[in-house]
Amino acid sequence: MKTKLFAAALTLAAFAAGAPANASDVSGGGVPSLDVTFSDLNLANRAGAEVLLRRIRTAASQVCGGDPHISTMRDLRAARDFRSCVRTAVDGAVRQVNAPLVTALHRGVDAVEPRYAEDLAR
């Protein structure tokens, strides 16, 4: 399985400001995107979900142009836009994957793996 990670609308604003985007693929609409594969992961366990979140966050950083070096006020705006772009891209990818444990970990919920949840219910 794979999910395509699209940058947020803020990336379009970054393009207008001349910020680079380091995406391997640009969709027809001009929004950079990357495929994030996860067919090798078991998303029903914490380890697999954590690996997928790392992959998604790495791809989002690339799609959003990489973390800018901050030395001026303009760079501060670029950093703010970058963080917002990454947050929006990661949120969208997690929604698209639609795996309960991945969603819970992304939200910071102390998620319990499904097999343990059944044991606790007994």
PDB file of N, CA and C in Angstrom:
ATOM      1  N   MET A   1       0.840  -1.173   0.000  1.00  0.00           N
ATOM      2  CA  MET A   1       0.000   0.000   0.000  1.00  0.00           C
ATOM      3  C   MET A   1       0.887   1.238   0.000  1.00  0.00           C
ATOM      4  N   LYS A   2       0.328   2.308  -0.492  1.00  0.00           N
ATOM      5  CA  LYS A   2       1.029   3.578  -0.435  1.00  0.00           C
ATOM      6  C   LYS A   2       0.010   4.697  -0.383  1.00  0.00           C
ATOM      7  N   THR A   3       0.455   5.814   0.095  1.00  0.00           N
ATOM      8  CA  THR A   3      -0.380   7.003   0.124  1.00  0.00           C
ATOM      9  C   THR A   3       0.403   8.130  -0.515  1.00  0.00           C
ATOM     10  N   LYS A   4      -0.262   8.972  -1.240  1.00  0.00           N
ATOM     11  CA  LYS A   4       0.396  10.120  -1.861  1.00  0.00           C
ATOM     12  C   LYS A   4       0.244  11.297  -0.912  1.00  0.00           C
ATOM     13  N   LEU A   5       1.362  11.889  -0.587  1.00  0.00           N
ATOM     14  CA  LEU A   5       1.387  12.993   0.358  1.00  0.00           C
ATOM     15  C   LEU A   5       1.465  14.301  -0.416  1.00  0.00           C
ATOM     16  N   PHE A   6       0.431  15.115  -0.304  1.00  0.00           N
ATOM     17  CA  PHE A   6       0.392  16.401  -0.997  1.00  0.00           C
ATOM     18  C   PHE A   6       0.709  17.518  -0.019  1.00  0.00           C
ATOM     19  N   ALA A   7       1.442  18.470  -0.485  1.00  0.00           N
ATOM     20  CA  ALA A   7       1.740  19.632   0.350  1.00  0.00           C
ATOM     21  C   ALA A   7       0.488  20.485   0.485  1.00  0.00           C
ATOM     22  N   ALA A   8       0.467  21.257   1.502  1.00  0.00           N
ATOM     23  CA  ALA A   8      -0.685  22.115   1.787  1.00  0.00           C
ATOM     24  C   ALA A   8      -0.725  23.291   0.829  1.00  0.00           C
ATOM     25  N   ALA A   9      -1.821  23.993   0.872  1.00  0.00           N
ATOM     26  CA  ALA A   9      -1.970  25.192   0.047  1.00  0.00           C
ATOM     27  C   ALA A   9      -0.883  26.209   0.368  1.00  0.00           C
ATOM     28  N   LEU A  10      -0.350  26.146   1.584  1.00  0.00           N
ATOM     29  CA  LEU A  10       0.722  27.066   1.949  1.00  0.00           C
ATOM     30  C   LEU A  10       1.949  26.864   1.081  1.00  0.00           C
ATOM     31  N   THR A  11       2.131  25.662   0.561  1.00  0.00           N
ATOM     32  CA  THR A  11       3.260  25.434  -0.317  1.00  0.00           C
ATOM     33  C   THR A  11       3.111  26.263  -1.578  1.00  0.00           C
ATOM     34  N   LEU A  12       1.883  26.401  -2.048  1.00  0.00           N
ATOM     35  CA  LEU A  12       1.651  27.243  -3.215  1.00  0.00           C
ATOM     36  C   LEU A  12       2.061  28.678  -2.907  1.00  0.00           C
ATOM     37  N   ALA A  13       1.784  29.122  -1.699  1.00  0.00           N
ATOM     38  CA  ALA A  13       2.210  30.458  -1.302  1.00  0.00           C
ATOM     39  C   ALA A  13       3.732  30.529  -1.241  1.00  0.00           C
ATOM     40  N   ALA A  14       4.354  29.443  -0.805  1.00  0.00           N
ATOM     41  CA  ALA A  14       5.812  29.404  -0.759  1.00  0.00           C
ATOM     42  C   ALA A  14       6.400  29.486  -2.159  1.00  0.00           C
ATOM     43  N   PHE A  15       5.760  28.829  -3.130  1.00  0.00           N
ATOM     44  CA  PHE A  15       6.226  28.926  -4.513  1.00  0.00           C
ATOM     45  C   PHE A  15       6.180  30.375  -4.972  1.00  0.00           C
ATOM     46  N   ALA A  16       5.107  31.063  -4.622  1.00  0.00           N
ATOM     47  CA  ALA A  16       4.969  32.461  -5.026  1.00  0.00           C
ATOM     48  C   ALA A  16       6.071  33.313  -4.408  1.00  0.00           C
ATOM     49  N   ALA A  17       6.529  32.919  -3.219  1.00  0.00           N
ATOM     50  CA  ALA A  17       7.594  33.655  -2.543  1.00  0.00           C
ATOM     51  C   ALA A  17       8.972  33.212  -3.007  1.00  0.00           C
ATOM     52  N   GLY A  18       9.020  32.222  -3.880  1.00  0.00           N
ATOM     53  CA  GLY A  18      10.291  31.769  -4.417  1.00  0.00           C
ATOM     54  C   GLY A  18      10.971  30.686  -3.603  1.00  0.00           C
ATOM     55  N   ALA A  19      10.280  30.089  -2.658  1.00  0.00           N
ATOM     56  CA  ALA A  19      10.881  29.026  -1.857  1.00  0.00           C
ATOM     57  C   ALA A  19      10.998  27.759  -2.684  1.00  0.00           C
ATOM     58  N   PRO A  20      12.095  27.030  -2.555  1.00  0.00           N
ATOM     59  CA  PRO A  20      12.254  25.798  -3.326  1.00  0.00           C
ATOM     60  C   PRO A  20      11.426  24.666  -2.743  1.00  0.00           C
ATOM     61  N   ALA A  21      11.071  23.735  -3.579  1.00  0.00           N
ATOM     62  CA  ALA A  21      10.394  22.518  -3.124  1.00  0.00           C
ATOM     63  C   ALA A  21      11.206  21.341  -3.615  1.00  0.00           C
ATOM     64  N   ASN A  22      11.489  20.414  -2.744  1.00  0.00           N
ATOM     65  CA  ASN A  22      12.313  19.269  -3.090  1.00  0.00           C
ATOM     66  C   ASN A  22      11.476  18.012  -3.201  1.00  0.00           C
ATOM     67  N   ALA A  23      10.450  18.045  -3.992  1.00  0.00           N
ATOM     68  CA  ALA A  23       9.586  16.882  -4.152  1.00  0.00           C
ATOM     69  C   ALA A  23      10.012  16.109  -5.384  1.00  0.00           C
ATOM     70  N   SER A  24       9.853  14.804  -5.330  1.00  0.00           N
ATOM     71  CA  SER A  24      10.253  13.978  -6.464  1.00  0.00           C
ATOM     72  C   SER A  24       9.183  13.944  -7.545  1.00  0.00           C
ATOM     73  N   ASP A  25       7.989  14.363  -7.218  1.00  0.00           N
ATOM     74  CA  ASP A  25       6.883  14.296  -8.163  1.00  0.00           C
ATOM     75  C   ASP A  25       6.038  15.549  -8.002  1.00  0.00           C
ATOM     76  N   VAL A  26       5.644  16.132  -9.094  1.00  0.00           N
ATOM     77  CA  VAL A  26       4.727  17.266  -9.034  1.00  0.00           C
ATOM     78  C   VAL A  26       3.483  16.869  -9.792  1.00  0.00           C
ATOM     79  N   SER A  27       2.347  16.914  -9.109  1.00  0.00           N
ATOM     80  CA  SER A  27       1.092  16.510  -9.733  1.00  0.00           C
ATOM     81  C   SER A  27       0.680  17.526 -10.780  1.00  0.00           C
ATOM     82  N   GLY A  28      -0.318  17.197 -11.577  1.00  0.00           N
ATOM     83  CA  GLY A  28      -0.794  18.069 -12.635  1.00  0.00           C
ATOM     84  C   GLY A  28      -1.194  19.443 -12.143  1.00  0.00           C
ATOM     85  N   GLY A  29      -1.614  19.555 -10.904  1.00  0.00           N
ATOM     86  CA  GLY A  29      -2.023  20.838 -10.359  1.00  0.00           C
ATOM     87  C   GLY A  29      -0.863  21.682  -9.876  1.00  0.00           C
ATOM     88  N   GLY A  30       0.359  21.203 -10.002  1.00  0.00           N
ATOM     89  CA  GLY A  30       1.518  21.955  -9.579  1.00  0.00           C
ATOM     90  C   GLY A  30       1.840  21.824  -8.106  1.00  0.00           C
ATOM     91  N   VAL A  31       1.147  20.971  -7.386  1.00  0.00           N
ATOM     92  CA  VAL A  31       1.411  20.773  -5.963  1.00  0.00           C
ATOM     93  C   VAL A  31       2.376  19.607  -5.817  1.00  0.00           C
ATOM     94  N   PRO A  32       3.525  19.818  -5.170  1.00  0.00           N
ATOM     95  CA  PRO A  32       4.482  18.724  -5.021  1.00  0.00           C
ATOM     96  C   PRO A  32       3.898  17.591  -4.187  1.00  0.00           C
ATOM     97  N   SER A  33       4.313  16.375  -4.499  1.00  0.00           N
ATOM     98  CA  SER A  33       3.819  15.214  -3.757  1.00  0.00           C
ATOM     99  C   SER A  33       4.874  14.127  -3.757  1.00  0.00           C
ATOM    100  N   LEU A  34       4.780  13.251  -2.805  1.00  0.00           N
ATOM    101  CA  LEU A  34       5.628  12.069  -2.705  1.00  0.00           C
ATOM    102  C   LEU A  34       4.750  10.888  -2.339  1.00  0.00           C
ATOM    103  N   ASP A  35       5.107   9.715  -2.848  1.00  0.00           N
ATOM    104  CA  ASP A  35       4.435   8.492  -2.426  1.00  0.00           C
ATOM    105  C   ASP A  35       5.132   7.973  -1.178  1.00  0.00           C
ATOM    106  N   VAL A  36       4.353   7.599  -0.187  1.00  0.00           N
ATOM    107  CA  VAL A  36       4.873   7.002   1.038  1.00  0.00           C
ATOM    108  C   VAL A  36       4.346   5.579   1.083  1.00  0.00           C
ATOM    109  N   THR A  37       5.243   4.609   0.973  1.00  0.00           N
ATOM    110  CA  THR A  37       4.809   3.209   0.972  1.00  0.00           C
ATOM    111  C   THR A  37       4.777   2.670   2.398  1.00  0.00           C
ATOM    112  N   PHE A  38       3.832   1.748   2.616  1.00  0.00           N
ATOM    113  CA  PHE A  38       3.746   1.132   3.938  1.00  0.00           C
ATOM    114  C   PHE A  38       3.239  -0.300   3.877  1.00  0.00           C
ATOM    115  N   SER A  39       3.312  -0.925   2.707  1.00  0.00           N
ATOM    116  CA  SER A  39       2.850  -2.314   2.589  1.00  0.00           C
ATOM    117  C   SER A  39       3.728  -3.265   3.395  1.00  0.00           C
ATOM    118  N   ASP A  40       4.937  -2.831   3.735  1.00  0.00           N
ATOM    119  CA  ASP A  40       5.845  -3.662   4.516  1.00  0.00           C
ATOM    120  C   ASP A  40       5.616  -3.533   6.018  1.00  0.00           C
ATOM    121  N   LEU A  41       4.667  -2.699   6.417  1.00  0.00           N
ATOM    122  CA  LEU A  41       4.451  -2.426   7.838  1.00  0.00           C
ATOM    123  C   LEU A  41       3.151  -3.032   8.344  1.00  0.00           C
ATOM    124  N   ASN A  42       3.162  -3.450   9.600  1.00  0.00           N
ATOM    125  CA  ASN A  42       1.949  -3.892  10.279  1.00  0.00           C
ATOM    126  C   ASN A  42       1.442  -2.700  11.089  1.00  0.00           C
ATOM    127  N   LEU A  43       0.403  -2.053  10.592  1.00  0.00           N
ATOM    128  CA  LEU A  43      -0.106  -0.849  11.240  1.00  0.00           C
ATOM    129  C   LEU A  43      -0.968  -1.150  12.456  1.00  0.00           C
ATOM    130  N   ALA A  44      -1.139  -2.424  12.766  1.00  0.00           N
ATOM    131  CA  ALA A  44      -1.889  -2.803  13.961  1.00  0.00           C
ATOM    132  C   ALA A  44      -0.974  -2.887  15.179  1.00  0.00           C
ATOM    133  N   ASN A  45       0.347  -2.711  14.977  1.00  0.00           N
ATOM    134  CA  ASN A  45       1.231  -2.670  16.143  1.00  0.00           C
ATOM    135  C   ASN A  45       1.969  -1.338  16.193  1.00  0.00           C
ATOM    136  N   ARG A  46       2.367  -0.979  17.376  1.00  0.00           N
ATOM    137  CA  ARG A  46       2.959   0.339  17.631  1.00  0.00           C
ATOM    138  C   ARG A  46       4.218   0.578  16.803  1.00  0.00           C
ATOM    139  N   ALA A  47       5.070  -0.412  16.683  1.00  0.00           N
ATOM    140  CA  ALA A  47       6.322  -0.240  15.936  1.00  0.00           C
ATOM    141  C   ALA A  47       6.046   0.118  14.479  1.00  0.00           C
ATOM    142  N   GLY A  48       5.128  -0.591  13.854  1.00  0.00           N
ATOM    143  CA  GLY A  48       4.788  -0.307  12.460  1.00  0.00           C
ATOM    144  C   GLY A  48       4.174   1.070  12.291  1.00  0.00           C
ATOM    145  N   ALA A  49       3.296   1.442  13.208  1.00  0.00           N
ATOM    146  CA  ALA A  49       2.650   2.757  13.149  1.00  0.00           C
ATOM    147  C   ALA A  49       3.675   3.875  13.327  1.00  0.00           C
ATOM    148  N   GLU A  50       4.633   3.681  14.233  1.00  0.00           N
ATOM    149  CA  GLU A  50       5.664   4.697  14.458  1.00  0.00           C
ATOM    150  C   GLU A  50       6.566   4.855  13.237  1.00  0.00           C
ATOM    151  N   VAL A  51       6.906   3.740  12.588  1.00  0.00           N
ATOM    152  CA  VAL A  51       7.724   3.810  11.372  1.00  0.00           C
ATOM    153  C   VAL A  51       6.982   4.591  10.293  1.00  0.00           C
ATOM    154  N   LEU A  52       5.693   4.301  10.117  1.00  0.00           N
ATOM    155  CA  LEU A  52       4.926   5.018   9.103  1.00  0.00           C
ATOM    156  C   LEU A  52       4.864   6.512   9.419  1.00  0.00           C
ATOM    157  N   LEU A  53       4.659   6.873  10.669  1.00  0.00           N
ATOM    158  CA  LEU A  53       4.631   8.299  11.023  1.00  0.00           C
ATOM    159  C   LEU A  53       5.961   8.973  10.700  1.00  0.00           C
ATOM    160  N   ARG A  54       7.078   8.292  10.962  1.00  0.00           N
ATOM    161  CA  ARG A  54       8.390   8.862  10.613  1.00  0.00           C
ATOM    162  C   ARG A  54       8.509   9.054   9.107  1.00  0.00           C
ATOM    163  N   ARG A  55       8.068   8.058   8.337  1.00  0.00           N
ATOM    164  CA  ARG A  55       8.118   8.173   6.877  1.00  0.00           C
ATOM    165  C   ARG A  55       7.267   9.343   6.393  1.00  0.00           C
ATOM    166  N   ILE A  56       6.076   9.468   6.951  1.00  0.00           N
ATOM    167  CA  ILE A  56       5.174  10.552   6.556  1.00  0.00           C
ATOM    168  C   ILE A  56       5.795  11.906   6.894  1.00  0.00           C
ATOM    169  N   ARG A  57       6.350  12.038   8.094  1.00  0.00           N
ATOM    170  CA  ARG A  57       6.947  13.319   8.504  1.00  0.00           C
ATOM    171  C   ARG A  57       8.157  13.677   7.641  1.00  0.00           C
ATOM    172  N   THR A  58       8.965  12.678   7.301  1.00  0.00           N
ATOM    173  CA  THR A  58      10.122  12.922   6.433  1.00  0.00           C
ATOM    174  C   THR A  58       9.672  13.377   5.053  1.00  0.00           C
ATOM    175  N   ALA A  59       8.679  12.690   4.502  1.00  0.00           N
ATOM    176  CA  ALA A  59       8.159  13.063   3.182  1.00  0.00           C
ATOM    177  C   ALA A  59       7.543  14.458   3.223  1.00  0.00           C
ATOM    178  N   ALA A  60       6.817  14.766   4.285  1.00  0.00           N
ATOM    179  CA  ALA A  60       6.201  16.092   4.408  1.00  0.00           C
ATOM    180  C   ALA A  60       7.266  17.179   4.436  1.00  0.00           C
ATOM    181  N   SER A  61       8.350  16.931   5.145  1.00  0.00           N
ATOM    182  CA  SER A  61       9.442  17.899   5.196  1.00  0.00           C
ATOM    183  C   SER A  61      10.024  18.137   3.806  1.00  0.00           C
ATOM    184  N   GLN A  62      10.192  17.071   3.049  1.00  0.00           N
ATOM    185  CA  GLN A  62      10.729  17.194   1.689  1.00  0.00           C
ATOM    186  C   GLN A  62       9.747  17.929   0.783  1.00  0.00           C
ATOM    187  N   VAL A  63       8.481  17.538   0.849  1.00  0.00           N
ATOM    188  CA  VAL A  63       7.456  18.140  -0.001  1.00  0.00           C
ATOM    189  C   VAL A  63       7.306  19.634   0.304  1.00  0.00           C
ATOM    190  N   CYS A  64       7.475  19.989   1.556  1.00  0.00           N
ATOM    191  CA  CYS A  64       7.294  21.385   1.960  1.00  0.00           C
ATOM    192  C   CYS A  64       8.556  22.221   1.782  1.00  0.00           C
ATOM    193  N   GLY A  65       9.595  21.660   1.217  1.00  0.00           N
ATOM    194  CA  GLY A  65      10.779  22.436   0.868  1.00  0.00           C
ATOM    195  C   GLY A  65      11.940  22.334   1.827  1.00  0.00           C
ATOM    196  N   GLY A  66      11.847  21.520   2.845  1.00  0.00           N
ATOM    197  CA  GLY A  66      12.939  21.381   3.805  1.00  0.00           C
ATOM    198  C   GLY A  66      12.922  22.509   4.822  1.00  0.00           C
ATOM    199  N   ASP A  67      13.407  22.213   6.002  1.00  0.00           N
ATOM    200  CA  ASP A  67      13.413  23.180   7.096  1.00  0.00           C
ATOM    201  C   ASP A  67      14.323  24.350   6.732  1.00  0.00           C
ATOM    202  N   PRO A  68      13.777  25.565   6.672  1.00  0.00           N
ATOM    203  CA  PRO A  68      14.587  26.715   6.262  1.00  0.00           C
ATOM    204  C   PRO A  68      15.576  27.141   7.345  1.00  0.00           C
ATOM    205  N   HIS A  69      16.705  27.670   6.909  1.00  0.00           N
ATOM    206  CA  HIS A  69      17.697  28.239   7.827  1.00  0.00           C
ATOM    207  C   HIS A  69      17.182  29.605   8.280  1.00  0.00           C
ATOM    208  N   ILE A  70      17.177  29.846   9.569  1.00  0.00           N
ATOM    209  CA  ILE A  70      16.602  31.085  10.099  1.00  0.00           C
ATOM    210  C   ILE A  70      17.719  32.071  10.438  1.00  0.00           C
ATOM    211  N   SER A  71      17.746  33.198   9.711  1.00  0.00           N
ATOM    212  CA  SER A  71      18.705  34.251  10.036  1.00  0.00           C
ATOM    213  C   SER A  71      18.094  35.648   9.892  1.00  0.00           C
ATOM    214  N   THR A  72      16.913  35.737   9.297  1.00  0.00           N
ATOM    215  CA  THR A  72      16.252  37.036   9.133  1.00  0.00           C
ATOM    216  C   THR A  72      14.768  36.886   9.452  1.00  0.00           C
ATOM    217  N   MET A  73      14.075  38.008   9.515  1.00  0.00           N
ATOM    218  CA  MET A  73      12.626  37.963   9.753  1.00  0.00           C
ATOM    219  C   MET A  73      11.914  37.231   8.623  1.00  0.00           C
ATOM    220  N   ARG A  74      12.400  37.402   7.398  1.00  0.00           N
ATOM    221  CA  ARG A  74      11.794  36.675   6.275  1.00  0.00           C
ATOM    222  C   ARG A  74      11.943  35.168   6.494  1.00  0.00           C
ATOM    223  N   ASP A  75      13.102  34.780   7.032  1.00  0.00           N
ATOM    224  CA  ASP A  75      13.324  33.366   7.316  1.00  0.00           C
ATOM    225  C   ASP A  75      12.382  32.873   8.408  1.00  0.00           C
ATOM    226  N   LEU A  76      12.054  33.729   9.361  1.00  0.00           N
ATOM    227  CA  LEU A  76      11.098  33.341  10.404  1.00  0.00           C
ATOM    228  C   LEU A  76       9.733  33.056   9.795  1.00  0.00           C
ATOM    229  N   ARG A  77       9.323  33.885   8.834  1.00  0.00           N
ATOM    230  CA  ARG A  77       8.050  33.639   8.144  1.00  0.00           C
ATOM    231  C   ARG A  77       8.127  32.335   7.360  1.00  0.00           C
ATOM    232  N   ALA A  78       9.258  32.101   6.708  1.00  0.00           N
ATOM    233  CA  ALA A  78       9.429  30.865   5.943  1.00  0.00           C
ATOM    234  C   ALA A  78       9.371  29.657   6.873  1.00  0.00           C
ATOM    235  N   ALA A  79       9.977  29.777   8.055  1.00  0.00           N
ATOM    236  CA  ALA A  79       9.948  28.676   9.020  1.00  0.00           C
ATOM    237  C   ALA A  79       8.529  28.419   9.501  1.00  0.00           C
ATOM    238  N   ARG A  80       7.781  29.492   9.756  1.00  0.00           N
ATOM    239  CA  ARG A  80       6.380  29.346  10.180  1.00  0.00           C
ATOM    240  C   ARG A  80       5.565  28.667   9.084  1.00  0.00           C
ATOM    241  N   ASP A  81       5.755  29.112   7.841  1.00  0.00           N
ATOM    242  CA  ASP A  81       5.034  28.510   6.718  1.00  0.00           C
ATOM    243  C   ASP A  81       5.425  27.049   6.534  1.00  0.00           C
ATOM    244  N   PHE A  82       6.711  26.755   6.715  1.00  0.00           N
ATOM    245  CA  PHE A  82       7.188  25.376   6.599  1.00  0.00           C
ATOM    246  C   PHE A  82       6.505  24.497   7.643  1.00  0.00           C
ATOM    247  N   ARG A  83       6.505  24.929   8.898  1.00  0.00           N
ATOM    248  CA  ARG A  83       5.878  24.131   9.966  1.00  0.00           C
ATOM    249  C   ARG A  83       4.395  23.921   9.699  1.00  0.00           C
ATOM    250  N   SER A  84       3.728  24.950   9.239  1.00  0.00           N
ATOM    251  CA  SER A  84       2.304  24.837   8.929  1.00  0.00           C
ATOM    252  C   SER A  84       2.073  23.871   7.772  1.00  0.00           C
ATOM    253  N   CYS A  85       2.905  23.953   6.756  1.00  0.00           N
ATOM    254  CA  CYS A  85       2.800  23.054   5.604  1.00  0.00           C
ATOM    255  C   CYS A  85       2.995  21.607   6.037  1.00  0.00           C
ATOM    256  N   VAL A  86       4.035  21.358   6.844  1.00  0.00           N
ATOM    257  CA  VAL A  86       4.307  19.996   7.317  1.00  0.00           C
ATOM    258  C   VAL A  86       3.137  19.488   8.143  1.00  0.00           C
ATOM    259  N   ARG A  87       2.644  20.310   9.048  1.00  0.00           N
ATOM    260  CA  ARG A  87       1.526  19.895   9.911  1.00  0.00           C
ATOM    261  C   ARG A  87       0.307  19.522   9.065  1.00  0.00           C
ATOM    262  N   THR A  88      -0.016  20.357   8.082  1.00  0.00           N
ATOM    263  CA  THR A  88      -1.177  20.099   7.229  1.00  0.00           C
ATOM    264  C   THR A  88      -0.974  18.849   6.382  1.00  0.00           C
ATOM    265  N   ALA A  89       0.232  18.681   5.831  1.00  0.00           N
ATOM    266  CA  ALA A  89       0.516  17.514   4.995  1.00  0.00           C
ATOM    267  C   ALA A  89       0.463  16.227   5.811  1.00  0.00           C
ATOM    268  N   VAL A  90       1.047  16.239   7.009  1.00  0.00           N
ATOM    269  CA  VAL A  90       1.037  15.045   7.867  1.00  0.00           C
ATOM    270  C   VAL A  90      -0.392  14.724   8.297  1.00  0.00           C
ATOM    271  N   ASP A  91      -1.142  15.735   8.709  1.00  0.00           N
ATOM    272  CA  ASP A  91      -2.542  15.511   9.098  1.00  0.00           C
ATOM    273  C   ASP A  91      -3.322  14.856   7.961  1.00  0.00           C
ATOM    274  N   GLY A  92      -3.152  15.359   6.751  1.00  0.00           N
ATOM    275  CA  GLY A  92      -3.862  14.810   5.593  1.00  0.00           C
ATOM    276  C   GLY A  92      -3.456  13.384   5.284  1.00  0.00           C
ATOM    277  N   ALA A  93      -2.159  13.096   5.373  1.00  0.00           N
ATOM    278  CA  ALA A  93      -1.686  11.740   5.089  1.00  0.00           C
ATOM    279  C   ALA A  93      -2.198  10.754   6.132  1.00  0.00           C
ATOM    280  N   VAL A  94      -2.178  11.163   7.398  1.00  0.00           N
ATOM    281  CA  VAL A  94      -2.674  10.283   8.468  1.00  0.00           C
ATOM    282  C   VAL A  94      -4.162  10.006   8.264  1.00  0.00           C
ATOM    283  N   ARG A  95      -4.919  11.030   7.891  1.00  0.00           N
ATOM    284  CA  ARG A  95      -6.350  10.823   7.599  1.00  0.00           C
ATOM    285  C   ARG A  95      -6.525   9.859   6.434  1.00  0.00           C
ATOM    286  N   GLN A  96      -5.704  10.011   5.403  1.00  0.00           N
ATOM    287  CA  GLN A  96      -5.819   9.167   4.215  1.00  0.00           C
ATOM    288  C   GLN A  96      -5.478   7.712   4.529  1.00  0.00           C
ATOM    289  N   VAL A  97      -4.471   7.480   5.355  1.00  0.00           N
ATOM    290  CA  VAL A  97      -4.100   6.112   5.735  1.00  0.00           C
ATOM    291  C   VAL A  97      -5.232   5.471   6.524  1.00  0.00           C
ATOM    292  N   ASN A  98      -5.853   6.236   7.415  1.00  0.00           N
ATOM    293  CA  ASN A  98      -7.020   5.785   8.164  1.00  0.00           C
ATOM    294  C   ASN A  98      -6.759   4.507   8.963  1.00  0.00           C
ATOM    295  N   ALA A  99      -5.642   4.503   9.685  1.00  0.00           N
ATOM    296  CA  ALA A  99      -5.306   3.384  10.566  1.00  0.00           C
ATOM    297  C   ALA A  99      -5.423   3.890  12.005  1.00  0.00           C
ATOM    298  N   PRO A 100      -6.272   3.267  12.818  1.00  0.00           N
ATOM    299  CA  PRO A 100      -6.536   3.781  14.167  1.00  0.00           C
ATOM    300  C   PRO A 100      -5.293   4.018  15.019  1.00  0.00           C
ATOM    301  N   LEU A 101      -4.335   3.100  14.999  1.00  0.00           N
ATOM    302  CA  LEU A 101      -3.145   3.258  15.832  1.00  0.00           C
ATOM    303  C   LEU A 101      -2.268   4.403  15.321  1.00  0.00           C
ATOM    304  N   VAL A 102      -2.144   4.534  14.018  1.00  0.00           N
ATOM    305  CA  VAL A 102      -1.372   5.641  13.433  1.00  0.00           C
ATOM    306  C   VAL A 102      -2.016   6.972  13.818  1.00  0.00           C
ATOM    307  N   THR A 103      -3.332   7.044  13.702  1.00  0.00           N
ATOM    308  CA  THR A 103      -4.059   8.269  14.059  1.00  0.00           C
ATOM    309  C   THR A 103      -3.872   8.597  15.531  1.00  0.00           C
ATOM    310  N   ALA A 104      -3.989   7.607  16.389  1.00  0.00           N
ATOM    311  CA  ALA A 104      -3.845   7.834  17.828  1.00  0.00           C
ATOM    312  C   ALA A 104      -2.436   8.314  18.171  1.00  0.00           C
ATOM    313  N   LEU A 105      -1.422   7.685  17.596  1.00  0.00           N
ATOM    314  CA  LEU A 105      -0.048   8.103  17.866  1.00  0.00           C
ATOM    315  C   LEU A 105       0.203   9.515  17.345  1.00  0.00           C
ATOM    316  N   HIS A 106      -0.332   9.815  16.197  1.00  0.00           N
ATOM    317  CA  HIS A 106      -0.166  11.156  15.627  1.00  0.00           C
ATOM    318  C   HIS A 106      -0.819  12.208  16.518  1.00  0.00           C
ATOM    319  N   ARG A 107      -1.936  11.886  17.085  1.00  0.00           N
ATOM    320  CA  ARG A 107      -2.649  12.826  17.965  1.00  0.00           C
ATOM    321  C   ARG A 107      -2.025  12.898  19.353  1.00  0.00           C
ATOM    322  N   GLY A 108      -1.063  12.012  19.627  1.00  0.00           N
ATOM    323  CA  GLY A 108      -0.423  12.017  20.925  1.00  0.00           C
ATOM    324  C   GLY A 108      -1.187  11.243  21.973  1.00  0.00           C
ATOM    325  N   VAL A 109      -2.179  10.486  21.533  1.00  0.00           N
ATOM    326  CA  VAL A 109      -2.952   9.660  22.453  1.00  0.00           C
ATOM    327  C   VAL A 109      -2.095   8.461  22.828  1.00  0.00           C
ATOM    328  N   ASP A 110      -2.109   8.085  24.095  1.00  0.00           N
ATOM    329  CA  ASP A 110      -1.364   6.898  24.509  1.00  0.00           C
ATOM    330  C   ASP A 110      -2.138   5.684  24.023  1.00  0.00           C
ATOM    331  N   ALA A 111      -1.876   5.318  22.788  1.00  0.00           N
ATOM    332  CA  ALA A 111      -2.636   4.259  22.121  1.00  0.00           C
ATOM    333  C   ALA A 111      -2.264   2.888  22.662  1.00  0.00           C
ATOM    334  N   VAL A 112      -3.250   2.044  22.763  1.00  0.00           N
ATOM    335  CA  VAL A 112      -3.056   0.654  23.156  1.00  0.00           C
ATOM    336  C   VAL A 112      -3.242  -0.194  21.911  1.00  0.00           C
ATOM    337  N   GLU A 113      -2.280  -1.087  21.654  1.00  0.00           N
ATOM    338  CA  GLU A 113      -2.397  -1.951  20.487  1.00  0.00           C
ATOM    339  C   GLU A 113      -3.661  -2.790  20.610  1.00  0.00           C
ATOM    340  N   PRO A 114      -4.355  -3.038  19.493  1.00  0.00           N
ATOM    341  CA  PRO A 114      -5.644  -3.740  19.517  1.00  0.00           C
ATOM    342  C   PRO A 114      -5.625  -5.061  20.276  1.00  0.00           C
ATOM    343  N   ARG A 115      -4.593  -5.875  20.103  1.00  0.00           N
ATOM    344  CA  ARG A 115      -4.594  -7.184  20.771  1.00  0.00           C
ATOM    345  C   ARG A 115      -4.529  -7.024  22.284  1.00  0.00           C
ATOM    346  N   TYR A 116      -3.851  -5.993  22.777  1.00  0.00           N
ATOM    347  CA  TYR A 116      -3.795  -5.761  24.207  1.00  0.00           C
ATOM    348  C   TYR A 116      -5.098  -5.162  24.720  1.00  0.00           C
ATOM    349  N   ALA A 117      -5.749  -4.383  23.901  1.00  0.00           N
ATOM    350  CA  ALA A 117      -7.030  -3.799  24.289  1.00  0.00           C
ATOM    351  C   ALA A 117      -8.047  -4.896  24.559  1.00  0.00           C
ATOM    352  N   GLU A 118      -8.030  -5.954  23.738  1.00  0.00           N
ATOM    353  CA  GLU A 118      -8.945  -7.079  23.956  1.00  0.00           C
ATOM    354  C   GLU A 118      -8.653  -7.756  25.285  1.00  0.00           C
ATOM    355  N   ASP A 119      -7.361  -7.935  25.604  1.00  0.00           N
ATOM    356  CA  ASP A 119      -6.985  -8.570  26.866  1.00  0.00           C
ATOM    357  C   ASP A 119      -7.439  -7.727  28.059  1.00  0.00           C
ATOM    358  N   LEU A 120      -7.320  -6.409  27.938  1.00  0.00           N
ATOM    359  CA  LEU A 120      -7.718  -5.532  29.033  1.00  0.00           C
ATOM    360  C   LEU A 120      -9.222  -5.548  29.256  1.00  0.00           C
ATOM    361  N   ALA A 121      -9.983  -5.804  28.196  1.00  0.00           N
ATOM    362  CA  ALA A 121     -11.443  -5.802  28.286  1.00  0.00           C
ATOM    363  C   ALA A 121     -11.970  -7.041  28.993  1.00  0.00           C
ATOM    364  N   ARG A 122     -11.167  -8.067  29.101  1.00  0.00           N
ATOM    365  CA  ARG A 122     -11.622  -9.320  29.738  1.00  0.00           C
ATOM    366  C   ARG A 122     -11.672  -9.230  31.228  1.00  0.00           C
TER     367      ARG A 122
END
